[in-house]
Amino acid sequence: MKKLLLFLLLSVFCLNVRAQYVSGAGELRDSSLVVQDNNKVVQNSYKVLQDSYKVAQDWRTAGIVMTAAGGAVGVAGGMTFMLGTFTSVMGATAGAVGGAIVGSVGGKESGQQAAGQAAQNGVKAGKPFITGGLIAAAVGLSTLAAGIPLIVVHNRRMHSIKEQMSVADVAFGPTQGGIGLSVRF
């Protein structure tokens, strides 16, 4: 009789209790019935938490990819902008120098006209690079800015779900020091 009572008492403590709280649905247990739109649905709360964890993990991964890609595109756009600026400056400088050379040979007026036209052509050469670089940098930085909140929010969500999934577990069996109760949190 004493062994039976001891067995029942240990069984109560060793049951694997996986009750999880889900807001709006009350307390769910494995295979409990949940009423949704007046229909009874069998729902496994641990499975729902695993699915939620997987969704949060996927969104976090999307945030990581967006942040990495956005940073790379932003840097490439910045470099393209700098290349376009450099091209415009060097084109204008080369035009001015060329105009000065022409002016020394052909006269002051023809030199000024040639220098002005060459400088304008040099500036026009870099204009598409500047515009494209600015657009690429803006797209890259906005993608980077959208990816960071995804990482932060879904990291927190994953941590919260993991805390909900971890359950205190009491088991009777072999431990490091022999046979006894082992408690896992």
N, C-alpha and C. Protein backbone atom coordinates (compact mmCIF):
# COMPACT_ATOMS: atom_id res chain seq x y z
N MET A 1 0.82 -1.18 0.00
CA MET A 1 0.00 0.00 0.00
C MET A 1 0.87 1.27 0.00
N LYS A 2 1.93 1.24 0.82
CA LYS A 2 2.82 2.39 0.88
C LYS A 2 3.52 2.57 -0.45
N LYS A 3 3.91 1.47 -1.08
CA LYS A 3 4.58 1.56 -2.37
C LYS A 3 3.63 2.14 -3.43
N LEU A 4 2.36 1.76 -3.37
CA LEU A 4 1.39 2.27 -4.32
C LEU A 4 1.19 3.77 -4.14
N LEU A 5 1.08 4.23 -2.89
CA LEU A 5 0.94 5.66 -2.63
C LEU A 5 2.19 6.43 -3.06
N LEU A 6 3.36 5.87 -2.79
CA LEU A 6 4.60 6.50 -3.22
C LEU A 6 4.66 6.58 -4.74
N PHE A 7 4.25 5.50 -5.40
CA PHE A 7 4.23 5.47 -6.86
C PHE A 7 3.28 6.53 -7.41
N LEU A 8 2.08 6.64 -6.85
CA LEU A 8 1.11 7.63 -7.32
C LEU A 8 1.61 9.05 -7.07
N LEU A 9 2.21 9.27 -5.90
CA LEU A 9 2.75 10.59 -5.57
C LEU A 9 3.87 10.97 -6.54
N LEU A 10 4.79 10.05 -6.81
CA LEU A 10 5.87 10.33 -7.76
C LEU A 10 5.34 10.51 -9.18
N SER A 11 4.29 9.78 -9.53
CA SER A 11 3.69 9.91 -10.86
C SER A 11 3.13 11.31 -11.06
N VAL A 12 2.52 11.84 -10.01
CA VAL A 12 1.97 13.19 -10.11
C VAL A 12 3.09 14.20 -10.36
N PHE A 13 4.21 14.05 -9.65
CA PHE A 13 5.32 14.98 -9.82
C PHE A 13 6.07 14.76 -11.13
N CYS A 14 6.05 13.55 -11.65
CA CYS A 14 6.83 13.24 -12.84
C CYS A 14 6.06 13.43 -14.14
N LEU A 15 4.78 13.78 -14.05
CA LEU A 15 4.02 14.00 -15.28
C LEU A 15 4.63 15.17 -16.05
N ASN A 16 4.67 15.01 -17.31
CA ASN A 16 5.22 16.05 -18.16
C ASN A 16 4.12 17.07 -18.45
N VAL A 17 4.12 18.17 -17.72
CA VAL A 17 3.09 19.19 -17.85
C VAL A 17 3.58 20.21 -18.87
N ARG A 18 2.82 20.39 -19.89
CA ARG A 18 3.19 21.33 -20.94
C ARG A 18 2.08 22.35 -21.16
N ALA A 19 1.52 22.87 -20.11
CA ALA A 19 0.48 23.88 -20.24
C ALA A 19 1.13 25.18 -20.69
N GLN A 20 0.57 25.78 -21.70
CA GLN A 20 1.11 27.03 -22.22
C GLN A 20 0.00 28.06 -22.24
N TYR A 21 0.34 29.28 -21.98
CA TYR A 21 -0.64 30.35 -22.02
C TYR A 21 -0.55 31.04 -23.37
N VAL A 22 -1.70 31.17 -24.01
CA VAL A 22 -1.79 31.90 -25.26
C VAL A 22 -2.83 32.98 -25.04
N SER A 23 -2.47 34.23 -25.25
CA SER A 23 -3.38 35.31 -24.96
C SER A 23 -4.64 35.20 -25.81
N GLY A 24 -5.78 35.40 -25.17
CA GLY A 24 -7.06 35.34 -25.85
C GLY A 24 -7.64 33.96 -25.94
N ALA A 25 -6.88 32.94 -25.67
CA ALA A 25 -7.39 31.58 -25.78
C ALA A 25 -7.42 30.87 -24.43
N GLY A 26 -7.01 31.55 -23.38
CA GLY A 26 -6.98 30.91 -22.07
C GLY A 26 -5.80 29.99 -21.97
N GLU A 27 -5.94 28.96 -21.18
CA GLU A 27 -4.83 28.04 -20.99
C GLU A 27 -5.02 26.83 -21.90
N LEU A 28 -4.01 26.53 -22.67
CA LEU A 28 -4.05 25.40 -23.58
C LEU A 28 -3.17 24.29 -23.05
N ARG A 29 -3.59 23.10 -23.23
CA ARG A 29 -2.78 21.93 -22.92
C ARG A 29 -2.73 21.07 -24.17
N ASP A 30 -1.83 20.13 -24.19
CA ASP A 30 -1.75 19.25 -25.36
C ASP A 30 -3.10 18.63 -25.63
N SER A 31 -3.55 18.70 -26.88
CA SER A 31 -4.80 18.12 -27.34
C SER A 31 -6.01 18.69 -26.63
N SER A 32 -5.96 19.93 -26.19
CA SER A 32 -7.13 20.54 -25.57
C SER A 32 -8.02 21.11 -26.66
N LEU A 33 -9.29 21.28 -26.32
CA LEU A 33 -10.24 21.84 -27.27
C LEU A 33 -10.26 23.34 -27.13
N VAL A 34 -10.24 24.03 -28.26
CA VAL A 34 -10.29 25.47 -28.27
C VAL A 34 -11.50 25.87 -29.10
N VAL A 35 -12.25 26.85 -28.63
CA VAL A 35 -13.42 27.30 -29.37
C VAL A 35 -13.01 28.49 -30.23
N GLN A 36 -13.18 28.34 -31.52
CA GLN A 36 -12.89 29.41 -32.46
C GLN A 36 -14.08 29.55 -33.38
N ASP A 37 -14.71 30.71 -33.38
CA ASP A 37 -15.90 30.96 -34.19
C ASP A 37 -16.98 29.90 -33.96
N ASN A 38 -17.20 29.57 -32.70
CA ASN A 38 -18.20 28.58 -32.27
C ASN A 38 -17.97 27.19 -32.86
N ASN A 39 -16.79 26.91 -33.34
CA ASN A 39 -16.45 25.57 -33.81
C ASN A 39 -15.36 25.02 -32.91
N LYS A 40 -15.49 23.75 -32.53
CA LYS A 40 -14.47 23.15 -31.68
C LYS A 40 -13.34 22.63 -32.56
N VAL A 41 -12.13 23.02 -32.23
CA VAL A 41 -10.96 22.63 -32.99
C VAL A 41 -9.96 22.01 -32.04
N VAL A 42 -9.41 20.86 -32.41
CA VAL A 42 -8.36 20.27 -31.59
C VAL A 42 -7.05 20.93 -31.98
N GLN A 43 -6.36 21.47 -30.99
CA GLN A 43 -5.16 22.24 -31.28
C GLN A 43 -4.06 21.82 -30.30
N ASN A 44 -2.90 21.53 -30.84
CA ASN A 44 -1.76 21.15 -30.03
C ASN A 44 -0.92 22.41 -29.81
N SER A 45 -0.89 22.90 -28.57
CA SER A 45 -0.25 24.19 -28.30
C SER A 45 1.25 24.14 -28.53
N TYR A 46 1.90 23.02 -28.24
CA TYR A 46 3.33 22.94 -28.46
C TYR A 46 3.65 23.04 -29.95
N LYS A 47 2.82 22.42 -30.78
CA LYS A 47 2.99 22.49 -32.23
C LYS A 47 2.78 23.92 -32.72
N VAL A 48 1.80 24.62 -32.16
CA VAL A 48 1.55 26.01 -32.55
C VAL A 48 2.76 26.87 -32.21
N LEU A 49 3.34 26.66 -31.03
CA LEU A 49 4.52 27.41 -30.63
C LEU A 49 5.71 27.10 -31.53
N GLN A 50 5.86 25.85 -31.91
CA GLN A 50 6.95 25.48 -32.83
C GLN A 50 6.76 26.17 -34.18
N ASP A 51 5.52 26.19 -34.66
CA ASP A 51 5.24 26.86 -35.93
C ASP A 51 5.50 28.36 -35.83
N SER A 52 5.10 28.96 -34.72
CA SER A 52 5.34 30.39 -34.52
C SER A 52 6.83 30.68 -34.45
N TYR A 53 7.57 29.80 -33.80
CA TYR A 53 9.02 29.96 -33.71
C TYR A 53 9.65 29.90 -35.09
N LYS A 54 9.18 28.96 -35.92
CA LYS A 54 9.72 28.81 -37.28
C LYS A 54 9.43 30.06 -38.11
N VAL A 55 8.22 30.62 -37.98
CA VAL A 55 7.86 31.83 -38.72
C VAL A 55 8.75 33.00 -38.28
N ALA A 56 8.94 33.15 -36.96
CA ALA A 56 9.80 34.23 -36.45
C ALA A 56 11.24 34.04 -36.93
N GLN A 57 11.69 32.80 -36.97
CA GLN A 57 13.05 32.52 -37.43
C GLN A 57 13.19 32.88 -38.92
N ASP A 58 12.17 32.57 -39.71
CA ASP A 58 12.20 32.91 -41.14
C ASP A 58 12.24 34.43 -41.34
N TRP A 59 11.44 35.16 -40.57
CA TRP A 59 11.43 36.61 -40.70
C TRP A 59 12.75 37.21 -40.24
N ARG A 60 13.36 36.64 -39.21
CA ARG A 60 14.67 37.12 -38.76
C ARG A 60 15.71 36.89 -39.85
N THR A 61 15.65 35.73 -40.50
CA THR A 61 16.56 35.44 -41.60
C THR A 61 16.35 36.43 -42.75
N ALA A 62 15.09 36.75 -43.04
CA ALA A 62 14.81 37.74 -44.08
C ALA A 62 15.40 39.10 -43.71
N GLY A 63 15.31 39.46 -42.44
CA GLY A 63 15.90 40.71 -41.98
C GLY A 63 17.41 40.73 -42.13
N ILE A 64 18.04 39.60 -41.83
CA ILE A 64 19.49 39.50 -41.97
C ILE A 64 19.89 39.64 -43.44
N VAL A 65 19.16 38.97 -44.33
CA VAL A 65 19.46 39.06 -45.76
C VAL A 65 19.24 40.48 -46.26
N MET A 66 18.13 41.11 -45.84
CA MET A 66 17.85 42.49 -46.27
C MET A 66 18.94 43.45 -45.78
N THR A 67 19.37 43.26 -44.54
CA THR A 67 20.40 44.14 -43.99
C THR A 67 21.72 43.97 -44.75
N ALA A 68 22.11 42.73 -44.99
CA ALA A 68 23.37 42.48 -45.70
C ALA A 68 23.30 43.01 -47.14
N ALA A 69 22.22 42.69 -47.83
CA ALA A 69 22.09 43.13 -49.23
C ALA A 69 21.97 44.65 -49.31
N GLY A 70 21.19 45.24 -48.41
CA GLY A 70 21.02 46.69 -48.41
C GLY A 70 22.33 47.40 -48.13
N GLY A 71 23.11 46.87 -47.21
CA GLY A 71 24.42 47.48 -46.93
C GLY A 71 25.34 47.40 -48.13
N ALA A 72 25.34 46.25 -48.80
CA ALA A 72 26.21 46.09 -49.98
C ALA A 72 25.78 47.01 -51.11
N VAL A 73 24.46 47.10 -51.35
CA VAL A 73 23.97 47.98 -52.42
C VAL A 73 24.23 49.44 -52.06
N GLY A 74 24.08 49.79 -50.80
CA GLY A 74 24.36 51.16 -50.37
C GLY A 74 25.81 51.54 -50.58
N VAL A 75 26.71 50.64 -50.22
CA VAL A 75 28.14 50.90 -50.42
C VAL A 75 28.47 51.00 -51.92
N ALA A 76 27.90 50.09 -52.72
CA ALA A 76 28.15 50.14 -54.16
C ALA A 76 27.59 51.44 -54.76
N GLY A 77 26.42 51.88 -54.30
CA GLY A 77 25.85 53.14 -54.78
C GLY A 77 26.70 54.32 -54.39
N GLY A 78 27.22 54.31 -53.17
CA GLY A 78 28.11 55.39 -52.74
C GLY A 78 29.38 55.45 -53.56
N MET A 79 29.93 54.28 -53.85
CA MET A 79 31.15 54.24 -54.66
C MET A 79 30.87 54.72 -56.09
N THR A 80 29.71 54.35 -56.64
CA THR A 80 29.35 54.79 -57.99
C THR A 80 29.16 56.30 -58.01
N PHE A 81 28.53 56.84 -56.96
CA PHE A 81 28.37 58.29 -56.86
C PHE A 81 29.73 58.98 -56.84
N MET A 82 30.65 58.45 -56.05
CA MET A 82 31.99 59.05 -55.99
C MET A 82 32.70 58.94 -57.33
N LEU A 83 32.53 57.81 -58.04
CA LEU A 83 33.12 57.65 -59.36
C LEU A 83 32.56 58.69 -60.34
N GLY A 84 31.25 58.90 -60.29
CA GLY A 84 30.62 59.91 -61.16
C GLY A 84 31.10 61.31 -60.85
N THR A 85 31.25 61.62 -59.57
CA THR A 85 31.75 62.93 -59.18
C THR A 85 33.19 63.11 -59.65
N PHE A 86 33.99 62.07 -59.46
CA PHE A 86 35.39 62.12 -59.90
C PHE A 86 35.46 62.29 -61.42
N THR A 87 34.60 61.56 -62.15
CA THR A 87 34.58 61.67 -63.61
C THR A 87 34.21 63.09 -64.04
N SER A 88 33.22 63.67 -63.38
CA SER A 88 32.80 65.04 -63.74
C SER A 88 33.91 66.04 -63.46
N VAL A 89 34.53 65.92 -62.30
CA VAL A 89 35.60 66.86 -61.94
C VAL A 89 36.78 66.71 -62.88
N MET A 90 37.17 65.47 -63.15
CA MET A 90 38.32 65.26 -64.04
C MET A 90 37.99 65.68 -65.48
N GLY A 91 36.73 65.45 -65.91
CA GLY A 91 36.32 65.88 -67.25
C GLY A 91 36.35 67.39 -67.38
N ALA A 92 35.86 68.08 -66.36
CA ALA A 92 35.88 69.54 -66.39
C ALA A 92 37.32 70.06 -66.36
N THR A 93 38.15 69.43 -65.55
CA THR A 93 39.55 69.85 -65.47
C THR A 93 40.27 69.62 -66.79
N ALA A 94 40.05 68.44 -67.38
CA ALA A 94 40.69 68.14 -68.66
C ALA A 94 40.20 69.09 -69.73
N GLY A 95 38.90 69.44 -69.69
CA GLY A 95 38.37 70.40 -70.66
C GLY A 95 38.98 71.77 -70.50
N ALA A 96 39.17 72.18 -69.26
CA ALA A 96 39.77 73.50 -69.02
C ALA A 96 41.22 73.53 -69.47
N VAL A 97 41.94 72.46 -69.18
CA VAL A 97 43.34 72.40 -69.60
C VAL A 97 43.43 72.36 -71.12
N GLY A 98 42.58 71.57 -71.74
CA GLY A 98 42.56 71.51 -73.21
C GLY A 98 42.20 72.84 -73.81
N GLY A 99 41.26 73.54 -73.17
CA GLY A 99 40.88 74.86 -73.66
C GLY A 99 42.02 75.85 -73.54
N ALA A 100 42.78 75.73 -72.47
CA ALA A 100 43.93 76.63 -72.30
C ALA A 100 44.97 76.38 -73.36
N ILE A 101 45.18 75.13 -73.71
CA ILE A 101 46.16 74.79 -74.76
C ILE A 101 45.67 75.34 -76.10
N VAL A 102 44.37 75.14 -76.39
CA VAL A 102 43.81 75.65 -77.64
C VAL A 102 43.89 77.18 -77.65
N GLY A 103 43.64 77.78 -76.48
CA GLY A 103 43.70 79.25 -76.39
C GLY A 103 45.08 79.79 -76.66
N SER A 104 46.10 79.06 -76.27
CA SER A 104 47.47 79.54 -76.52
C SER A 104 47.83 79.43 -77.99
N VAL A 105 47.21 78.52 -78.69
CA VAL A 105 47.52 78.33 -80.11
C VAL A 105 46.57 79.15 -80.98
N GLY A 106 45.26 79.09 -80.68
CA GLY A 106 44.27 79.67 -81.58
C GLY A 106 43.72 81.00 -81.14
N GLY A 107 44.10 81.49 -80.03
CA GLY A 107 43.57 82.77 -79.57
C GLY A 107 42.74 82.61 -78.32
N LYS A 108 42.56 83.75 -77.63
CA LYS A 108 41.88 83.73 -76.34
C LYS A 108 40.41 83.33 -76.45
N GLU A 109 39.71 83.86 -77.43
CA GLU A 109 38.28 83.61 -77.56
C GLU A 109 37.99 82.15 -77.92
N SER A 110 38.73 81.62 -78.86
CA SER A 110 38.52 80.22 -79.24
C SER A 110 38.91 79.28 -78.10
N GLY A 111 39.92 79.66 -77.31
CA GLY A 111 40.32 78.86 -76.16
C GLY A 111 39.26 78.83 -75.08
N GLN A 112 38.63 79.98 -74.83
CA GLN A 112 37.56 80.01 -73.82
C GLN A 112 36.36 79.19 -74.27
N GLN A 113 36.02 79.30 -75.53
CA GLN A 113 34.88 78.55 -76.06
C GLN A 113 35.17 77.04 -76.00
N ALA A 114 36.35 76.64 -76.40
CA ALA A 114 36.72 75.22 -76.36
C ALA A 114 36.79 74.70 -74.93
N ALA A 115 37.31 75.52 -74.01
CA ALA A 115 37.39 75.10 -72.60
C ALA A 115 36.00 74.94 -72.00
N GLY A 116 35.11 75.88 -72.29
CA GLY A 116 33.74 75.81 -71.76
C GLY A 116 33.00 74.59 -72.27
N GLN A 117 33.12 74.33 -73.56
CA GLN A 117 32.44 73.18 -74.16
C GLN A 117 33.01 71.87 -73.63
N ALA A 118 34.31 71.77 -73.50
CA ALA A 118 34.94 70.55 -73.00
C ALA A 118 34.60 70.32 -71.53
N ALA A 119 34.52 71.39 -70.75
CA ALA A 119 34.15 71.26 -69.34
C ALA A 119 32.71 70.77 -69.20
N GLN A 120 31.81 71.30 -70.04
CA GLN A 120 30.41 70.85 -69.99
C GLN A 120 30.29 69.37 -70.38
N ASN A 121 31.05 68.96 -71.38
CA ASN A 121 31.03 67.55 -71.79
C ASN A 121 31.57 66.65 -70.67
N GLY A 122 32.59 67.13 -69.97
CA GLY A 122 33.15 66.36 -68.86
C GLY A 122 32.15 66.20 -67.72
N VAL A 123 31.41 67.28 -67.43
CA VAL A 123 30.39 67.21 -66.37
C VAL A 123 29.26 66.28 -66.79
N LYS A 124 28.86 66.35 -68.07
CA LYS A 124 27.79 65.48 -68.58
C LYS A 124 28.19 64.00 -68.53
N ALA A 125 29.47 63.72 -68.70
CA ALA A 125 29.93 62.32 -68.69
C ALA A 125 29.72 61.67 -67.33
N GLY A 126 29.86 62.43 -66.25
CA GLY A 126 29.71 61.86 -64.91
C GLY A 126 28.30 61.89 -64.37
N LYS A 127 27.38 62.62 -65.05
CA LYS A 127 26.02 62.79 -64.54
C LYS A 127 25.26 61.47 -64.37
N PRO A 128 25.28 60.52 -65.33
CA PRO A 128 24.55 59.25 -65.12
C PRO A 128 25.10 58.44 -63.94
N PHE A 129 26.41 58.52 -63.73
CA PHE A 129 26.99 57.80 -62.59
C PHE A 129 26.52 58.41 -61.27
N ILE A 130 26.48 59.72 -61.23
CA ILE A 130 26.03 60.39 -60.00
C ILE A 130 24.59 60.04 -59.70
N THR A 131 23.72 60.14 -60.72
CA THR A 131 22.31 59.83 -60.52
C THR A 131 22.10 58.37 -60.13
N GLY A 132 22.73 57.47 -60.87
CA GLY A 132 22.60 56.04 -60.56
C GLY A 132 23.15 55.70 -59.19
N GLY A 133 24.26 56.31 -58.83
CA GLY A 133 24.85 56.06 -57.52
C GLY A 133 23.96 56.53 -56.39
N LEU A 134 23.36 57.70 -56.55
CA LEU A 134 22.46 58.21 -55.52
C LEU A 134 21.22 57.33 -55.37
N ILE A 135 20.67 56.88 -56.49
CA ILE A 135 19.49 56.00 -56.44
C ILE A 135 19.85 54.67 -55.78
N ALA A 136 20.97 54.07 -56.18
CA ALA A 136 21.39 52.80 -55.59
C ALA A 136 21.67 52.95 -54.10
N ALA A 137 22.30 54.04 -53.70
CA ALA A 137 22.58 54.27 -52.27
C ALA A 137 21.30 54.44 -51.49
N ALA A 138 20.32 55.15 -52.05
CA ALA A 138 19.04 55.34 -51.36
C ALA A 138 18.29 54.02 -51.20
N VAL A 139 18.27 53.22 -52.27
CA VAL A 139 17.59 51.92 -52.19
C VAL A 139 18.31 51.01 -51.20
N GLY A 140 19.62 50.99 -51.24
CA GLY A 140 20.39 50.15 -50.32
C GLY A 140 20.20 50.54 -48.87
N LEU A 141 20.26 51.83 -48.59
CA LEU A 141 20.10 52.29 -47.21
C LEU A 141 18.68 52.08 -46.69
N SER A 142 17.67 52.23 -47.57
CA SER A 142 16.30 51.98 -47.12
C SER A 142 16.07 50.49 -46.87
N THR A 143 16.66 49.63 -47.66
CA THR A 143 16.57 48.19 -47.43
C THR A 143 17.28 47.80 -46.14
N LEU A 144 18.43 48.39 -45.91
CA LEU A 144 19.16 48.17 -44.67
C LEU A 144 18.33 48.63 -43.47
N ALA A 145 17.71 49.80 -43.60
CA ALA A 145 16.90 50.33 -42.50
C ALA A 145 15.65 49.48 -42.25
N ALA A 146 15.12 48.84 -43.27
CA ALA A 146 13.96 47.97 -43.08
C ALA A 146 14.35 46.61 -42.51
N GLY A 147 15.58 46.18 -42.76
CA GLY A 147 16.01 44.87 -42.29
C GLY A 147 16.35 44.83 -40.81
N ILE A 148 16.88 45.92 -40.27
CA ILE A 148 17.30 45.93 -38.86
C ILE A 148 16.12 45.72 -37.91
N PRO A 149 14.97 46.42 -38.09
CA PRO A 149 13.85 46.15 -37.19
C PRO A 149 13.33 44.72 -37.28
N LEU A 150 13.40 44.12 -38.48
CA LEU A 150 12.98 42.72 -38.60
C LEU A 150 13.84 41.82 -37.73
N ILE A 151 15.13 42.07 -37.71
CA ILE A 151 16.02 41.26 -36.88
C ILE A 151 15.69 41.43 -35.41
N VAL A 152 15.55 42.67 -34.97
CA VAL A 152 15.32 42.95 -33.55
C VAL A 152 13.98 42.40 -33.09
N VAL A 153 12.92 42.68 -33.83
CA VAL A 153 11.57 42.26 -33.41
C VAL A 153 11.47 40.74 -33.37
N HIS A 154 11.97 40.08 -34.40
CA HIS A 154 11.81 38.63 -34.46
C HIS A 154 12.80 37.89 -33.56
N ASN A 155 13.92 38.51 -33.22
CA ASN A 155 14.79 37.93 -32.18
C ASN A 155 14.05 37.91 -30.85
N ARG A 156 13.41 39.02 -30.53
CA ARG A 156 12.62 39.08 -29.28
C ARG A 156 11.49 38.07 -29.31
N ARG A 157 10.81 37.99 -30.44
CA ARG A 157 9.69 37.04 -30.55
C ARG A 157 10.18 35.60 -30.38
N MET A 158 11.32 35.28 -31.00
CA MET A 158 11.87 33.93 -30.85
C MET A 158 12.23 33.65 -29.40
N HIS A 159 12.81 34.63 -28.72
CA HIS A 159 13.18 34.47 -27.31
C HIS A 159 11.93 34.24 -26.46
N SER A 160 10.88 35.02 -26.73
CA SER A 160 9.63 34.88 -25.98
C SER A 160 9.00 33.50 -26.20
N ILE A 161 8.99 33.05 -27.44
CA ILE A 161 8.41 31.74 -27.75
C ILE A 161 9.24 30.63 -27.11
N LYS A 162 10.56 30.78 -27.15
CA LYS A 162 11.43 29.77 -26.54
C LYS A 162 11.18 29.69 -25.04
N GLU A 163 10.95 30.84 -24.39
CA GLU A 163 10.63 30.83 -22.96
C GLU A 163 9.30 30.13 -22.71
N GLN A 164 8.32 30.35 -23.59
CA GLN A 164 7.02 29.69 -23.43
C GLN A 164 7.14 28.19 -23.65
N MET A 165 8.05 27.79 -24.53
CA MET A 165 8.20 26.36 -24.83
C MET A 165 8.96 25.62 -23.74
N SER A 166 9.83 26.33 -23.02
CA SER A 166 10.59 25.65 -21.98
C SER A 166 9.69 25.45 -20.77
N VAL A 167 9.62 24.23 -20.34
CA VAL A 167 8.72 23.84 -19.26
C VAL A 167 9.55 23.15 -18.19
N ALA A 168 9.20 23.41 -16.94
CA ALA A 168 9.87 22.69 -15.86
C ALA A 168 9.48 21.22 -15.97
N ASP A 169 10.46 20.37 -15.93
CA ASP A 169 10.23 18.94 -16.09
C ASP A 169 10.83 18.22 -14.90
N VAL A 170 10.00 17.45 -14.21
CA VAL A 170 10.46 16.67 -13.07
C VAL A 170 10.38 15.20 -13.48
N ALA A 171 11.48 14.50 -13.35
CA ALA A 171 11.50 13.09 -13.75
C ALA A 171 12.21 12.27 -12.67
N PHE A 172 11.72 11.06 -12.48
CA PHE A 172 12.33 10.13 -11.55
C PHE A 172 13.14 9.15 -12.38
N GLY A 173 14.42 9.05 -12.08
CA GLY A 173 15.26 8.16 -12.86
C GLY A 173 16.72 8.36 -12.51
N PRO A 174 17.59 7.85 -13.37
CA PRO A 174 19.02 7.96 -13.09
C PRO A 174 19.49 9.41 -13.20
N THR A 175 20.30 9.81 -12.25
CA THR A 175 20.92 11.13 -12.26
C THR A 175 22.43 10.93 -12.18
N GLN A 176 23.18 12.01 -12.08
CA GLN A 176 24.63 11.87 -12.00
C GLN A 176 25.06 11.23 -10.68
N GLY A 177 24.27 11.46 -9.64
CA GLY A 177 24.64 10.93 -8.34
C GLY A 177 23.95 9.61 -8.00
N GLY A 178 23.23 9.03 -8.92
CA GLY A 178 22.51 7.78 -8.66
C GLY A 178 21.08 7.89 -9.17
N ILE A 179 20.16 7.30 -8.42
CA ILE A 179 18.75 7.33 -8.81
C ILE A 179 18.04 8.38 -7.95
N GLY A 180 17.19 9.19 -8.57
CA GLY A 180 16.47 10.19 -7.81
C GLY A 180 15.66 11.08 -8.73
N LEU A 181 15.17 12.16 -8.17
CA LEU A 181 14.39 13.13 -8.95
C LEU A 181 15.34 14.09 -9.65
N SER A 182 15.06 14.33 -10.90
CA SER A 182 15.82 15.33 -11.63
C SER A 182 14.84 16.42 -12.08
N VAL A 183 15.22 17.65 -11.85
CA VAL A 183 14.38 18.78 -12.19
C VAL A 183 15.09 19.56 -13.29
N ARG A 184 14.37 19.80 -14.37
CA ARG A 184 14.91 20.57 -15.49
C ARG A 184 14.04 21.78 -15.72
N PHE A 185 14.68 22.96 -15.82
CA PHE A 185 13.94 24.18 -16.06
C PHE A 185 14.20 24.68 -17.45
